[in-house]
Amino acid sequence: MAETKNNFNKEAEVFKTLDKLRIKYRRFEHPPVSTLEEASRYWEKGGGAHCKNLFVRNNRGNHHYLIIVHGGKKVDLKWLASWLGEDCLSLASPERLKCLLGLTPGAVSPFGLIHDHNKEVRVVVDKDLLTEVELNFHPNVNTATLAISKEDFLRFLEWSGQKIIYLEMKKTHQST
């Protein structure tokens, strides 16, 4: 029961922010999912691009990145670290995810940026997402998906105030 209330509060924060920004969205409810592959079963009718979101940190733990890529791609963290000028990138711990974005594993989403008040997280966006009409993200819980227009997504990112890096993520990069 407490988890249901917590999920409601996390979603309500997202809806409040989107409403304040006059961002329209469509909500799709589904069972809890932890991976894009699991979630894809429930999105067949929804349309829009399915996005993969990874929260990573550099080796020293002083830089954090939210990586947002087209769902059909795998992220080569070694290649990405080199491109970003980092020594190494790895998935950040659940504790860092909770502390910086207010999220739990399986619910990573750009909407977690509403919790990054100190703007510590850098956002890397796959340029291929800019060719899509609509994008799908969790509303900070893994029991629902929101579809928003690409333009509204970009407006949300601008509002968030983080450093945004647009990068062409090749489909051939093969490590996650």
C-alpha atoms as a PDB file:
ATOM      1  CA  MET A   1       0.000   0.000   0.000  1.00  0.00           C
ATOM      2  CA  ALA A   2       2.822   2.431   0.853  1.00  0.00           C
ATOM      3  CA  GLU A   3       4.501   1.706  -2.501  1.00  0.00           C
ATOM      4  CA  THR A   4       1.264   2.475  -4.375  1.00  0.00           C
ATOM      5  CA  LYS A   5       0.962   5.823  -2.556  1.00  0.00           C
ATOM      6  CA  ASN A   6       4.636   6.600  -3.257  1.00  0.00           C
ATOM      7  CA  ASN A   7       4.140   5.791  -6.960  1.00  0.00           C
ATOM      8  CA  PHE A   8       1.096   8.064  -7.040  1.00  0.00           C
ATOM      9  CA  ASN A   9       3.128  10.907  -5.505  1.00  0.00           C
ATOM     10  CA  LYS A  10       5.993  10.428  -7.987  1.00  0.00           C
ATOM     11  CA  GLU A  11       3.582  10.515 -10.926  1.00  0.00           C
ATOM     12  CA  ALA A  12       1.702  13.484  -9.470  1.00  0.00           C
ATOM     13  CA  GLU A  13       4.971  15.491  -9.359  1.00  0.00           C
ATOM     14  CA  VAL A  14       5.535  14.768 -13.050  1.00  0.00           C
ATOM     15  CA  PHE A  15       1.950  15.674 -14.007  1.00  0.00           C
ATOM     16  CA  LYS A  16       2.145  18.907 -11.992  1.00  0.00           C
ATOM     17  CA  THR A  17       5.349  19.917 -13.799  1.00  0.00           C
ATOM     18  CA  LEU A  18       4.031  18.979 -17.238  1.00  0.00           C
ATOM     19  CA  ASP A  19       0.769  20.831 -16.583  1.00  0.00           C
ATOM     20  CA  LYS A  20       2.709  23.912 -15.428  1.00  0.00           C
ATOM     21  CA  LEU A  21       4.683  23.802 -18.686  1.00  0.00           C
ATOM     22  CA  ARG A  22       1.484  23.177 -20.686  1.00  0.00           C
ATOM     23  CA  ILE A  23       2.906  19.929 -22.004  1.00  0.00           C
ATOM     24  CA  LYS A  24       0.289  17.510 -23.284  1.00  0.00           C
ATOM     25  CA  TYR A  25       0.750  13.804 -22.682  1.00  0.00           C
ATOM     26  CA  ARG A  26      -1.018  10.498 -23.046  1.00  0.00           C
ATOM     27  CA  ARG A  27      -0.694   8.008 -20.190  1.00  0.00           C
ATOM     28  CA  PHE A  28      -0.581   4.233 -20.634  1.00  0.00           C
ATOM     29  CA  GLU A  29      -0.827   2.034 -17.569  1.00  0.00           C
ATOM     30  CA  HIS A  30       0.852  -1.391 -17.511  1.00  0.00           C
ATOM     31  CA  PRO A  31       2.260  -3.940 -15.051  1.00  0.00           C
ATOM     32  CA  PRO A  32       5.640  -3.082 -13.470  1.00  0.00           C
ATOM     33  CA  VAL A  33       8.485  -3.404 -15.999  1.00  0.00           C
ATOM     34  CA  SER A  34      12.224  -3.063 -15.496  1.00  0.00           C
ATOM     35  CA  THR A  35      13.519  -3.156 -19.063  1.00  0.00           C
ATOM     36  CA  LEU A  36      12.553  -1.737 -22.424  1.00  0.00           C
ATOM     37  CA  GLU A  37      12.100  -5.271 -23.712  1.00  0.00           C
ATOM     38  CA  GLU A  38       9.511  -6.029 -21.006  1.00  0.00           C
ATOM     39  CA  ALA A  39       7.684  -2.756 -21.576  1.00  0.00           C
ATOM     40  CA  SER A  40       7.507  -3.165 -25.356  1.00  0.00           C
ATOM     41  CA  ARG A  41       4.782  -5.807 -24.929  1.00  0.00           C
ATOM     42  CA  TYR A  42       2.439  -3.161 -23.593  1.00  0.00           C
ATOM     43  CA  TRP A  43       3.222  -0.370 -26.088  1.00  0.00           C
ATOM     44  CA  GLU A  44       2.123  -1.943 -29.319  1.00  0.00           C
ATOM     45  CA  LYS A  45      -0.944   0.290 -29.606  1.00  0.00           C
ATOM     46  CA  GLY A  46       0.636   3.420 -28.137  1.00  0.00           C
ATOM     47  CA  GLY A  47       2.839   4.580 -30.992  1.00  0.00           C
ATOM     48  CA  GLY A  48       5.808   6.875 -30.659  1.00  0.00           C
ATOM     49  CA  ALA A  49       9.475   6.066 -30.152  1.00  0.00           C
ATOM     50  CA  HIS A  50      10.408   3.932 -27.210  1.00  0.00           C
ATOM     51  CA  CYS A  51      13.358   5.373 -25.348  1.00  0.00           C
ATOM     52  CA  LYS A  52      16.056   3.703 -23.299  1.00  0.00           C
ATOM     53  CA  ASN A  53      17.314   5.709 -20.332  1.00  0.00           C
ATOM     54  CA  LEU A  54      20.557   4.922 -18.514  1.00  0.00           C
ATOM     55  CA  PHE A  55      21.952   6.699 -15.468  1.00  0.00           C
ATOM     56  CA  VAL A  56      25.738   6.476 -15.404  1.00  0.00           C
ATOM     57  CA  ARG A  57      28.689   8.005 -13.589  1.00  0.00           C
ATOM     58  CA  ASN A  58      32.348   8.498 -14.367  1.00  0.00           C
ATOM     59  CA  ASN A  59      35.071   6.536 -12.558  1.00  0.00           C
ATOM     60  CA  ARG A  60      35.663   9.224  -9.922  1.00  0.00           C
ATOM     61  CA  GLY A  61      31.931   9.607  -9.281  1.00  0.00           C
ATOM     62  CA  ASN A  62      32.027  13.379  -9.785  1.00  0.00           C
ATOM     63  CA  HIS A  63      30.122  13.445 -13.112  1.00  0.00           C
ATOM     64  CA  HIS A  64      26.725  11.876 -13.692  1.00  0.00           C
ATOM     65  CA  TYR A  65      24.935  11.429 -17.001  1.00  0.00           C
ATOM     66  CA  LEU A  66      21.397  10.578 -17.999  1.00  0.00           C
ATOM     67  CA  ILE A  67      21.709   8.849 -21.372  1.00  0.00           C
ATOM     68  CA  ILE A  68      18.531   8.916 -23.506  1.00  0.00           C
ATOM     69  CA  VAL A  69      18.659   6.819 -26.674  1.00  0.00           C
ATOM     70  CA  HIS A  70      16.301   5.315 -29.182  1.00  0.00           C
ATOM     71  CA  GLY A  71      15.063   2.017 -27.746  1.00  0.00           C
ATOM     72  CA  GLY A  72      16.510  -0.084 -30.558  1.00  0.00           C
ATOM     73  CA  LYS A  73      20.085   0.945 -29.768  1.00  0.00           C
ATOM     74  CA  LYS A  74      22.654  -0.357 -27.344  1.00  0.00           C
ATOM     75  CA  VAL A  75      24.994   2.052 -25.619  1.00  0.00           C
ATOM     76  CA  ASP A  76      28.735   1.414 -25.818  1.00  0.00           C
ATOM     77  CA  LEU A  77      29.871   2.989 -22.550  1.00  0.00           C
ATOM     78  CA  LYS A  78      33.560   2.751 -23.490  1.00  0.00           C
ATOM     79  CA  TRP A  79      32.955   4.676 -26.728  1.00  0.00           C
ATOM     80  CA  LEU A  80      30.703   7.179 -24.943  1.00  0.00           C
ATOM     81  CA  ALA A  81      33.252   7.762 -22.166  1.00  0.00           C
ATOM     82  CA  SER A  82      35.902   8.507 -24.774  1.00  0.00           C
ATOM     83  CA  TRP A  83      33.589  10.889 -26.664  1.00  0.00           C
ATOM     84  CA  LEU A  84      32.698  12.721 -23.423  1.00  0.00           C
ATOM     85  CA  GLY A  85      36.351  12.923 -22.344  1.00  0.00           C
ATOM     86  CA  GLU A  86      35.782  10.667 -19.345  1.00  0.00           C
ATOM     87  CA  ASP A  87      38.109   7.916 -18.190  1.00  0.00           C
ATOM     88  CA  CYS A  88      35.355   5.367 -17.714  1.00  0.00           C
ATOM     89  CA  LEU A  89      31.569   5.231 -17.404  1.00  0.00           C
ATOM     90  CA  SER A  90      29.518   2.681 -15.491  1.00  0.00           C
ATOM     91  CA  LEU A  91      25.958   2.372 -14.282  1.00  0.00           C
ATOM     92  CA  ALA A  92      25.434   4.475 -11.189  1.00  0.00           C
ATOM     93  CA  SER A  93      24.293   2.814  -7.984  1.00  0.00           C
ATOM     94  CA  PRO A  94      20.633   2.789  -6.930  1.00  0.00           C
ATOM     95  CA  GLU A  95      21.647   5.115  -4.082  1.00  0.00           C
ATOM     96  CA  ARG A  96      23.064   7.716  -6.484  1.00  0.00           C
ATOM     97  CA  LEU A  97      19.995   7.368  -8.707  1.00  0.00           C
ATOM     98  CA  LYS A  98      17.726   7.986  -5.722  1.00  0.00           C
ATOM     99  CA  CYS A  99      19.829  10.871  -4.388  1.00  0.00           C
ATOM    100  CA  LEU A 100      20.223  12.799  -7.653  1.00  0.00           C
ATOM    101  CA  LEU A 101      17.029  11.995  -9.582  1.00  0.00           C
ATOM    102  CA  GLY A 102      14.661  10.645  -6.918  1.00  0.00           C
ATOM    103  CA  LEU A 103      14.247   7.439  -8.931  1.00  0.00           C
ATOM    104  CA  THR A 104      14.627   3.700  -8.511  1.00  0.00           C
ATOM    105  CA  PRO A 105      16.119   1.224 -11.002  1.00  0.00           C
ATOM    106  CA  GLY A 106      13.586   0.321 -13.690  1.00  0.00           C
ATOM    107  CA  ALA A 107      11.951   3.748 -13.551  1.00  0.00           C
ATOM    108  CA  VAL A 108      14.798   5.861 -14.971  1.00  0.00           C
ATOM    109  CA  SER A 109      13.307   8.734 -16.937  1.00  0.00           C
ATOM    110  CA  PRO A 110      14.146  12.275 -17.991  1.00  0.00           C
ATOM    111  CA  PHE A 111      11.302  13.363 -15.724  1.00  0.00           C
ATOM    112  CA  GLY A 112      13.597  12.569 -12.782  1.00  0.00           C
ATOM    113  CA  LEU A 113      15.393  15.798 -13.687  1.00  0.00           C
ATOM    114  CA  ILE A 114      12.698  17.642 -11.719  1.00  0.00           C
ATOM    115  CA  HIS A 115      14.606  16.467  -8.610  1.00  0.00           C
ATOM    116  CA  ASP A 116      18.082  17.572  -9.743  1.00  0.00           C
ATOM    117  CA  HIS A 117      17.887  21.004  -8.133  1.00  0.00           C
ATOM    118  CA  ASN A 118      21.672  21.501  -8.198  1.00  0.00           C
ATOM    119  CA  LYS A 119      21.880  20.599 -11.926  1.00  0.00           C
ATOM    120  CA  GLU A 120      24.501  17.904 -11.287  1.00  0.00           C
ATOM    121  CA  VAL A 121      23.293  15.532 -14.005  1.00  0.00           C
ATOM    122  CA  ARG A 122      24.358  16.054 -17.609  1.00  0.00           C
ATOM    123  CA  VAL A 123      21.916  14.802 -20.226  1.00  0.00           C
ATOM    124  CA  VAL A 124      23.048  12.999 -23.380  1.00  0.00           C
ATOM    125  CA  VAL A 125      20.306  12.750 -26.022  1.00  0.00           C
ATOM    126  CA  ASP A 126      20.519  10.503 -29.061  1.00  0.00           C
ATOM    127  CA  LYS A 127      20.083  12.760 -32.121  1.00  0.00           C
ATOM    128  CA  ASP A 128      17.897  10.092 -33.768  1.00  0.00           C
ATOM    129  CA  LEU A 129      15.188  10.937 -31.229  1.00  0.00           C
ATOM    130  CA  LEU A 130      14.961  14.367 -32.850  1.00  0.00           C
ATOM    131  CA  THR A 131      13.515  12.748 -35.983  1.00  0.00           C
ATOM    132  CA  GLU A 132      10.577  11.258 -34.062  1.00  0.00           C
ATOM    133  CA  VAL A 133       7.150  12.827 -33.698  1.00  0.00           C
ATOM    134  CA  GLU A 134       6.394  11.385 -30.260  1.00  0.00           C
ATOM    135  CA  LEU A 135       8.528   9.892 -27.465  1.00  0.00           C
ATOM    136  CA  ASN A 136       7.646   7.520 -24.611  1.00  0.00           C
ATOM    137  CA  PHE A 137       8.998   7.723 -21.052  1.00  0.00           C
ATOM    138  CA  HIS A 138       8.057   6.447 -17.605  1.00  0.00           C
ATOM    139  CA  PRO A 139       6.512   9.136 -15.364  1.00  0.00           C
ATOM    140  CA  ASN A 140       9.132   8.292 -12.662  1.00  0.00           C
ATOM    141  CA  VAL A 141       7.434   4.953 -11.959  1.00  0.00           C
ATOM    142  CA  ASN A 142       7.633   1.738 -13.956  1.00  0.00           C
ATOM    143  CA  THR A 143       3.890   1.032 -13.956  1.00  0.00           C
ATOM    144  CA  ALA A 144       2.995   3.593 -16.603  1.00  0.00           C
ATOM    145  CA  THR A 145       4.336   5.263 -19.726  1.00  0.00           C
ATOM    146  CA  LEU A 146       3.764   8.798 -20.972  1.00  0.00           C
ATOM    147  CA  ALA A 147       3.793   9.727 -24.648  1.00  0.00           C
ATOM    148  CA  ILE A 148       4.748  13.342 -25.390  1.00  0.00           C
ATOM    149  CA  SER A 149       5.651  15.189 -28.553  1.00  0.00           C
ATOM    150  CA  LYS A 150       9.305  15.662 -29.447  1.00  0.00           C
ATOM    151  CA  GLU A 151       8.828  19.435 -29.234  1.00  0.00           C
ATOM    152  CA  ASP A 152       7.393  19.173 -25.712  1.00  0.00           C
ATOM    153  CA  PHE A 153      10.234  16.853 -24.680  1.00  0.00           C
ATOM    154  CA  LEU A 154      12.778  19.424 -25.876  1.00  0.00           C
ATOM    155  CA  ARG A 155      10.877  22.160 -24.036  1.00  0.00           C
ATOM    156  CA  PHE A 156      10.945  20.064 -20.851  1.00  0.00           C
ATOM    157  CA  LEU A 157      14.720  19.573 -21.198  1.00  0.00           C
ATOM    158  CA  GLU A 158      15.236  23.310 -21.697  1.00  0.00           C
ATOM    159  CA  TRP A 159      13.115  24.026 -18.625  1.00  0.00           C
ATOM    160  CA  SER A 160      15.088  21.536 -16.521  1.00  0.00           C
ATOM    161  CA  GLY A 161      18.256  23.621 -16.873  1.00  0.00           C
ATOM    162  CA  GLN A 162      20.739  20.760 -17.168  1.00  0.00           C
ATOM    163  CA  LYS A 163      23.619  20.695 -19.614  1.00  0.00           C
ATOM    164  CA  ILE A 164      22.242  18.901 -22.688  1.00  0.00           C
ATOM    165  CA  ILE A 165      24.539  17.101 -25.127  1.00  0.00           C
ATOM    166  CA  TYR A 166      23.082  15.947 -28.453  1.00  0.00           C
ATOM    167  CA  LEU A 167      25.048  13.034 -29.842  1.00  0.00           C
ATOM    168  CA  GLU A 168      24.692  10.714 -32.790  1.00  0.00           C
ATOM    169  CA  MET A 169      24.545   7.281 -31.181  1.00  0.00           C
ATOM    170  CA  LYS A 170      25.343   4.717 -33.820  1.00  0.00           C
ATOM    171  CA  LYS A 171      23.218   1.599 -33.916  1.00  0.00           C
ATOM    172  CA  THR A 172      26.445  -0.385 -34.265  1.00  0.00           C
ATOM    173  CA  HIS A 173      27.698   0.482 -30.756  1.00  0.00           C
ATOM    174  CA  GLN A 174      27.107  -2.842 -29.088  1.00  0.00           C
ATOM    175  CA  SER A 175      27.647  -2.805 -25.294  1.00  0.00           C
ATOM    176  CA  THR A 176      25.122  -1.655 -22.757  1.00  0.00           C
END
